[in-house]
Amino acid sequence: MFDSYYDVFSVALFIATASIYFLRFRHEDPVLLPYLLICFGCAVANWLGEAGAGIASVAILGLASCVLLHITSLPYAEDPSENTPS
């Protein structure tokens, strides 16, 4: 099923990205662009890894992982209706 480590890491990062997106989507309306960039980075890194450019592939996967960690560390948007005095 998996031919190389690049496949495993790309799929794992994709699954983590999709999970974080769906988790955030339950609580707020997140911007889709950062998640799409991470998924695109997974595809490019996997392609580069299979083509023999291992260092570039690892660099892209590392960068995409850092972006996912940054997105994960962001607080949820506050609901404005909760801050109004009743």
C-alpha atoms as a PDB file:
ATOM      1  CA  MET A   1       0.000   0.000   0.000  1.00  0.00           C
ATOM      2  CA  PHE A   2       2.721   2.468   0.946  1.00  0.00           C
ATOM      3  CA  ASP A   3       5.819   2.443  -1.243  1.00  0.00           C
ATOM      4  CA  SER A   4       8.009   4.748   0.802  1.00  0.00           C
ATOM      5  CA  TYR A   5       8.270   6.833   3.955  1.00  0.00           C
ATOM      6  CA  TYR A   6       7.142   9.873   1.966  1.00  0.00           C
ATOM      7  CA  ASP A   7       3.783   8.187   1.361  1.00  0.00           C
ATOM      8  CA  VAL A   8       3.350   7.433   5.052  1.00  0.00           C
ATOM      9  CA  PHE A   9       4.268  10.929   6.230  1.00  0.00           C
ATOM     10  CA  SER A  10       2.196  12.649   3.538  1.00  0.00           C
ATOM     11  CA  VAL A  11      -0.900  10.590   4.300  1.00  0.00           C
ATOM     12  CA  ALA A  12      -0.436  11.048   8.059  1.00  0.00           C
ATOM     13  CA  LEU A  13      -0.131  14.822   7.660  1.00  0.00           C
ATOM     14  CA  PHE A  14      -3.172  14.878   5.372  1.00  0.00           C
ATOM     15  CA  ILE A  15      -5.258  12.904   7.892  1.00  0.00           C
ATOM     16  CA  ALA A  16      -4.146  15.225  10.705  1.00  0.00           C
ATOM     17  CA  THR A  17      -4.998  18.291   8.602  1.00  0.00           C
ATOM     18  CA  ALA A  18      -8.448  16.985   7.695  1.00  0.00           C
ATOM     19  CA  SER A  19      -9.119  16.056  11.324  1.00  0.00           C
ATOM     20  CA  ILE A  20      -8.153  19.485  12.623  1.00  0.00           C
ATOM     21  CA  TYR A  21     -10.249  21.164   9.926  1.00  0.00           C
ATOM     22  CA  PHE A  22     -13.362  19.131  10.730  1.00  0.00           C
ATOM     23  CA  LEU A  23     -12.845  19.671  14.450  1.00  0.00           C
ATOM     24  CA  ARG A  24     -12.601  23.427  13.962  1.00  0.00           C
ATOM     25  CA  PHE A  25     -15.530  23.376  11.541  1.00  0.00           C
ATOM     26  CA  ARG A  26     -17.759  22.047  14.322  1.00  0.00           C
ATOM     27  CA  HIS A  27     -17.033  25.118  16.474  1.00  0.00           C
ATOM     28  CA  GLU A  28     -16.441  27.916  13.980  1.00  0.00           C
ATOM     29  CA  ASP A  29     -16.166  28.694  10.268  1.00  0.00           C
ATOM     30  CA  PRO A  30     -12.406  28.362   9.569  1.00  0.00           C
ATOM     31  CA  VAL A  31     -10.683  29.752   6.502  1.00  0.00           C
ATOM     32  CA  LEU A  32     -10.062  26.892   4.065  1.00  0.00           C
ATOM     33  CA  LEU A  33      -6.917  28.257   2.364  1.00  0.00           C
ATOM     34  CA  PRO A  34      -4.292  27.236   4.972  1.00  0.00           C
ATOM     35  CA  TYR A  35      -5.654  23.704   5.046  1.00  0.00           C
ATOM     36  CA  LEU A  36      -5.575  23.489   1.250  1.00  0.00           C
ATOM     37  CA  LEU A  37      -1.984  24.729   1.210  1.00  0.00           C
ATOM     38  CA  ILE A  38      -0.985  21.994   3.662  1.00  0.00           C
ATOM     39  CA  CYS A  39      -2.697  19.346   1.521  1.00  0.00           C
ATOM     40  CA  PHE A  40      -1.003  20.720  -1.598  1.00  0.00           C
ATOM     41  CA  GLY A  41       2.316  20.618   0.268  1.00  0.00           C
ATOM     42  CA  CYS A  42       1.684  16.949   1.122  1.00  0.00           C
ATOM     43  CA  ALA A  43       1.109  16.121  -2.538  1.00  0.00           C
ATOM     44  CA  VAL A  44       4.186  18.030  -3.736  1.00  0.00           C
ATOM     45  CA  ALA A  45       6.396  16.574  -1.005  1.00  0.00           C
ATOM     46  CA  ASN A  46       5.269  13.048  -1.844  1.00  0.00           C
ATOM     47  CA  TRP A  47       5.922  13.629  -5.537  1.00  0.00           C
ATOM     48  CA  LEU A  48       9.370  15.089  -4.846  1.00  0.00           C
ATOM     49  CA  GLY A  49      10.207  12.224  -2.503  1.00  0.00           C
ATOM     50  CA  GLU A  50       9.293   9.647  -5.116  1.00  0.00           C
ATOM     51  CA  ALA A  51      11.303  11.562  -7.724  1.00  0.00           C
ATOM     52  CA  GLY A  52      14.470  11.405  -5.623  1.00  0.00           C
ATOM     53  CA  ALA A  53      14.512  14.889  -4.097  1.00  0.00           C
ATOM     54  CA  GLY A  54      14.411  13.707  -0.504  1.00  0.00           C
ATOM     55  CA  ILE A  55      15.797  16.838   1.135  1.00  0.00           C
ATOM     56  CA  ALA A  56      13.236  19.087  -0.562  1.00  0.00           C
ATOM     57  CA  SER A  57      10.486  16.647   0.324  1.00  0.00           C
ATOM     58  CA  VAL A  58      11.431  16.572   4.002  1.00  0.00           C
ATOM     59  CA  ALA A  59      11.707  20.369   4.033  1.00  0.00           C
ATOM     60  CA  ILE A  60       8.203  20.789   2.574  1.00  0.00           C
ATOM     61  CA  LEU A  61       6.713  18.212   4.952  1.00  0.00           C
ATOM     62  CA  GLY A  62       8.413  19.957   7.871  1.00  0.00           C
ATOM     63  CA  LEU A  63       7.104  23.343   6.780  1.00  0.00           C
ATOM     64  CA  ALA A  64       3.587  21.964   6.312  1.00  0.00           C
ATOM     65  CA  SER A  65       3.775  20.368   9.770  1.00  0.00           C
ATOM     66  CA  CYS A  66       4.796  23.691  11.311  1.00  0.00           C
ATOM     67  CA  VAL A  67       1.893  25.450   9.590  1.00  0.00           C
ATOM     68  CA  LEU A  68      -0.497  22.804  10.932  1.00  0.00           C
ATOM     69  CA  LEU A  69       0.906  23.232  14.441  1.00  0.00           C
ATOM     70  CA  HIS A  70       0.463  26.993  14.122  1.00  0.00           C
ATOM     71  CA  ILE A  71      -3.154  26.583  12.996  1.00  0.00           C
ATOM     72  CA  THR A  72      -3.790  24.141  15.824  1.00  0.00           C
ATOM     73  CA  SER A  73      -2.390  26.554  18.410  1.00  0.00           C
ATOM     74  CA  LEU A  74      -4.716  29.391  17.374  1.00  0.00           C
ATOM     75  CA  PRO A  75      -7.604  29.969  19.780  1.00  0.00           C
ATOM     76  CA  TYR A  76     -11.165  29.500  18.633  1.00  0.00           C
ATOM     77  CA  ALA A  77     -12.961  32.614  17.487  1.00  0.00           C
ATOM     78  CA  GLU A  78     -15.150  34.053  20.213  1.00  0.00           C
ATOM     79  CA  ASP A  79     -18.874  34.081  19.670  1.00  0.00           C
ATOM     80  CA  PRO A  80     -20.031  37.720  19.787  1.00  0.00           C
ATOM     81  CA  SER A  81     -23.409  36.735  21.225  1.00  0.00           C
ATOM     82  CA  GLU A  82     -21.722  35.364  24.362  1.00  0.00           C
ATOM     83  CA  ASN A  83     -20.120  38.739  25.185  1.00  0.00           C
ATOM     84  CA  THR A  84     -23.297  40.808  25.147  1.00  0.00           C
ATOM     85  CA  PRO A  85     -24.693  41.669  28.578  1.00  0.00           C
ATOM     86  CA  SER A  86     -28.162  40.290  29.173  1.00  0.00           C
END
